[in-house]
Amino acid sequence: MLAVGLNHYLILSAILFCLGLFSVVTKKNAVTVLMGVELILNAANINFIAFAKYVDNDLDGQMIALFVIVTAAAAAAVALAIVLNIYQRLKSINLDEADSLAG
């Protein structure tokens, strides 16, 4: 029977981070870029919780992960408001078209 260890969590986190980074770098859709940022933050959360379980054995990793989740939710709300404003002004959420602050 295969036991799930720290290496498995780190591999999963690395895969999520790479997918998120790929999405942020290559996509032109603002919503897809925001989803990539969320994947990157979730990869960091997996690392915090895995290291807290296997290395520290205290609640520091869980508390930091909770703080990251709350901060990411607030950032996502602000970012979606910005995306809606861009769509209202430009009728597109393509990031290449939203290259200046002037409408």
C-alpha atoms as a PDB file:
ATOM      1  CA  MET A   1       0.000   0.000   0.000  1.00  0.00           C
ATOM      2  CA  LEU A   2       1.306   3.422  -0.964  1.00  0.00           C
ATOM      3  CA  ALA A   3       1.359   5.996   1.808  1.00  0.00           C
ATOM      4  CA  VAL A   4       0.904   9.633   0.895  1.00  0.00           C
ATOM      5  CA  GLY A   5       3.950  11.583   2.018  1.00  0.00           C
ATOM      6  CA  LEU A   6       5.356  15.066   1.786  1.00  0.00           C
ATOM      7  CA  ASN A   7       6.799  14.419  -1.681  1.00  0.00           C
ATOM      8  CA  HIS A   8       3.338  13.689  -3.088  1.00  0.00           C
ATOM      9  CA  TYR A   9       2.011  17.003  -1.803  1.00  0.00           C
ATOM     10  CA  LEU A  10       5.026  18.858  -3.176  1.00  0.00           C
ATOM     11  CA  ILE A  11       4.595  17.258  -6.607  1.00  0.00           C
ATOM     12  CA  LEU A  12       0.904  18.163  -6.650  1.00  0.00           C
ATOM     13  CA  SER A  13       1.756  21.697  -5.595  1.00  0.00           C
ATOM     14  CA  ALA A  14       4.424  21.999  -8.298  1.00  0.00           C
ATOM     15  CA  ILE A  15       1.972  20.810 -10.958  1.00  0.00           C
ATOM     16  CA  LEU A  16      -0.669  23.326  -9.810  1.00  0.00           C
ATOM     17  CA  PHE A  17       1.918  26.105  -9.711  1.00  0.00           C
ATOM     18  CA  CYS A  18       3.164  25.320 -13.222  1.00  0.00           C
ATOM     19  CA  LEU A  19      -0.389  25.193 -14.607  1.00  0.00           C
ATOM     20  CA  GLY A  20      -1.202  28.511 -12.941  1.00  0.00           C
ATOM     21  CA  LEU A  21       1.983  30.154 -14.178  1.00  0.00           C
ATOM     22  CA  PHE A  22       1.370  28.857 -17.692  1.00  0.00           C
ATOM     23  CA  SER A  23      -2.150  30.280 -17.582  1.00  0.00           C
ATOM     24  CA  VAL A  24      -0.982  33.688 -16.355  1.00  0.00           C
ATOM     25  CA  VAL A  25       1.804  33.970 -18.924  1.00  0.00           C
ATOM     26  CA  THR A  26       0.044  32.681 -22.037  1.00  0.00           C
ATOM     27  CA  LYS A  27      -3.616  33.650 -21.789  1.00  0.00           C
ATOM     28  CA  LYS A  28      -5.094  36.954 -22.947  1.00  0.00           C
ATOM     29  CA  ASN A  29      -8.468  36.582 -21.245  1.00  0.00           C
ATOM     30  CA  ALA A  30      -8.563  38.439 -17.921  1.00  0.00           C
ATOM     31  CA  VAL A  31     -10.753  35.857 -16.193  1.00  0.00           C
ATOM     32  CA  THR A  32      -8.400  33.042 -17.215  1.00  0.00           C
ATOM     33  CA  VAL A  33      -5.446  35.001 -15.855  1.00  0.00           C
ATOM     34  CA  LEU A  34      -7.278  35.447 -12.541  1.00  0.00           C
ATOM     35  CA  MET A  35      -7.930  31.698 -12.425  1.00  0.00           C
ATOM     36  CA  GLY A  36      -4.210  31.114 -12.982  1.00  0.00           C
ATOM     37  CA  VAL A  37      -3.364  33.386 -10.055  1.00  0.00           C
ATOM     38  CA  GLU A  38      -5.798  31.417  -7.885  1.00  0.00           C
ATOM     39  CA  LEU A  39      -4.063  28.164  -8.907  1.00  0.00           C
ATOM     40  CA  ILE A  40      -0.721  29.633  -7.874  1.00  0.00           C
ATOM     41  CA  LEU A  41      -2.120  30.670  -4.490  1.00  0.00           C
ATOM     42  CA  ASN A  42      -3.661  27.220  -3.976  1.00  0.00           C
ATOM     43  CA  ALA A  43      -0.290  25.637  -4.736  1.00  0.00           C
ATOM     44  CA  ALA A  44       1.250  27.789  -2.017  1.00  0.00           C
ATOM     45  CA  ASN A  45      -1.524  26.759   0.391  1.00  0.00           C
ATOM     46  CA  ILE A  46      -0.844  23.076  -0.257  1.00  0.00           C
ATOM     47  CA  ASN A  47       2.821  23.679   0.572  1.00  0.00           C
ATOM     48  CA  PHE A  48       1.997  25.540   3.792  1.00  0.00           C
ATOM     49  CA  ILE A  49      -0.336  22.823   5.028  1.00  0.00           C
ATOM     50  CA  ALA A  50       1.904  19.920   3.957  1.00  0.00           C
ATOM     51  CA  PHE A  51       4.960  21.372   5.673  1.00  0.00           C
ATOM     52  CA  ALA A  52       2.901  22.138   8.766  1.00  0.00           C
ATOM     53  CA  LYS A  53       1.771  18.498   8.896  1.00  0.00           C
ATOM     54  CA  TYR A  54       5.036  16.742   8.121  1.00  0.00           C
ATOM     55  CA  VAL A  55       7.682  19.119   9.485  1.00  0.00           C
ATOM     56  CA  ASP A  56       6.286  21.437  12.168  1.00  0.00           C
ATOM     57  CA  ASN A  57       3.294  19.636  13.706  1.00  0.00           C
ATOM     58  CA  ASP A  58       1.681  22.908  14.766  1.00  0.00           C
ATOM     59  CA  LEU A  59      -0.969  25.224  13.349  1.00  0.00           C
ATOM     60  CA  ASP A  60       1.278  27.870  11.762  1.00  0.00           C
ATOM     61  CA  GLY A  61       0.877  26.475   8.239  1.00  0.00           C
ATOM     62  CA  GLN A  62      -2.897  26.230   8.550  1.00  0.00           C
ATOM     63  CA  MET A  63      -3.143  29.801   9.852  1.00  0.00           C
ATOM     64  CA  ILE A  64      -1.034  31.160   7.008  1.00  0.00           C
ATOM     65  CA  ALA A  65      -3.099  29.168   4.486  1.00  0.00           C
ATOM     66  CA  LEU A  66      -6.294  30.590   5.979  1.00  0.00           C
ATOM     67  CA  PHE A  67      -4.860  34.100   5.699  1.00  0.00           C
ATOM     68  CA  VAL A  68      -3.929  33.441   2.047  1.00  0.00           C
ATOM     69  CA  ILE A  69      -7.456  32.193   1.295  1.00  0.00           C
ATOM     70  CA  VAL A  70      -9.059  35.286   2.846  1.00  0.00           C
ATOM     71  CA  THR A  71      -6.653  37.617   1.048  1.00  0.00           C
ATOM     72  CA  ALA A  72      -7.179  35.802  -2.265  1.00  0.00           C
ATOM     73  CA  ALA A  73     -10.958  36.092  -1.917  1.00  0.00           C
ATOM     74  CA  ALA A  74     -10.699  39.829  -1.357  1.00  0.00           C
ATOM     75  CA  ALA A  75      -8.260  40.213  -4.247  1.00  0.00           C
ATOM     76  CA  ALA A  76     -10.525  38.172  -6.532  1.00  0.00           C
ATOM     77  CA  ALA A  77     -13.479  40.403  -5.696  1.00  0.00           C
ATOM     78  CA  VAL A  78     -11.496  43.547  -6.508  1.00  0.00           C
ATOM     79  CA  ALA A  79     -10.031  42.004  -9.665  1.00  0.00           C
ATOM     80  CA  LEU A  80     -13.450  40.915 -10.917  1.00  0.00           C
ATOM     81  CA  ALA A  81     -14.753  44.429 -10.315  1.00  0.00           C
ATOM     82  CA  ILE A  82     -11.879  45.767 -12.417  1.00  0.00           C
ATOM     83  CA  VAL A  83     -12.579  43.204 -15.151  1.00  0.00           C
ATOM     84  CA  LEU A  84     -16.257  44.196 -15.207  1.00  0.00           C
ATOM     85  CA  ASN A  85     -15.263  47.855 -15.500  1.00  0.00           C
ATOM     86  CA  ILE A  86     -12.896  47.032 -18.367  1.00  0.00           C
ATOM     87  CA  TYR A  87     -15.640  45.069 -20.103  1.00  0.00           C
ATOM     88  CA  GLN A  88     -18.106  47.912 -19.629  1.00  0.00           C
ATOM     89  CA  ARG A  89     -15.706  50.414 -21.200  1.00  0.00           C
ATOM     90  CA  LEU A  90     -14.077  48.301 -23.926  1.00  0.00           C
ATOM     91  CA  LYS A  91     -16.701  45.573 -24.584  1.00  0.00           C
ATOM     92  CA  SER A  92     -13.897  43.008 -24.279  1.00  0.00           C
ATOM     93  CA  ILE A  93     -11.895  41.347 -21.527  1.00  0.00           C
ATOM     94  CA  ASN A  94      -8.869  40.797 -23.739  1.00  0.00           C
ATOM     95  CA  LEU A  95      -5.860  42.054 -21.815  1.00  0.00           C
ATOM     96  CA  ASP A  96      -4.072  43.223 -24.963  1.00  0.00           C
ATOM     97  CA  GLU A  97      -6.867  45.724 -25.598  1.00  0.00           C
ATOM     98  CA  ALA A  98      -6.792  47.058 -22.045  1.00  0.00           C
ATOM     99  CA  ASP A  99      -3.303  48.528 -22.233  1.00  0.00           C
ATOM    100  CA  SER A 100      -3.982  52.067 -21.010  1.00  0.00           C
ATOM    101  CA  LEU A 101      -5.848  53.643 -18.114  1.00  0.00           C
ATOM    102  CA  ALA A 102      -7.656  56.129 -20.345  1.00  0.00           C
ATOM    103  CA  GLY A 103     -10.971  54.867 -21.766  1.00  0.00           C
END
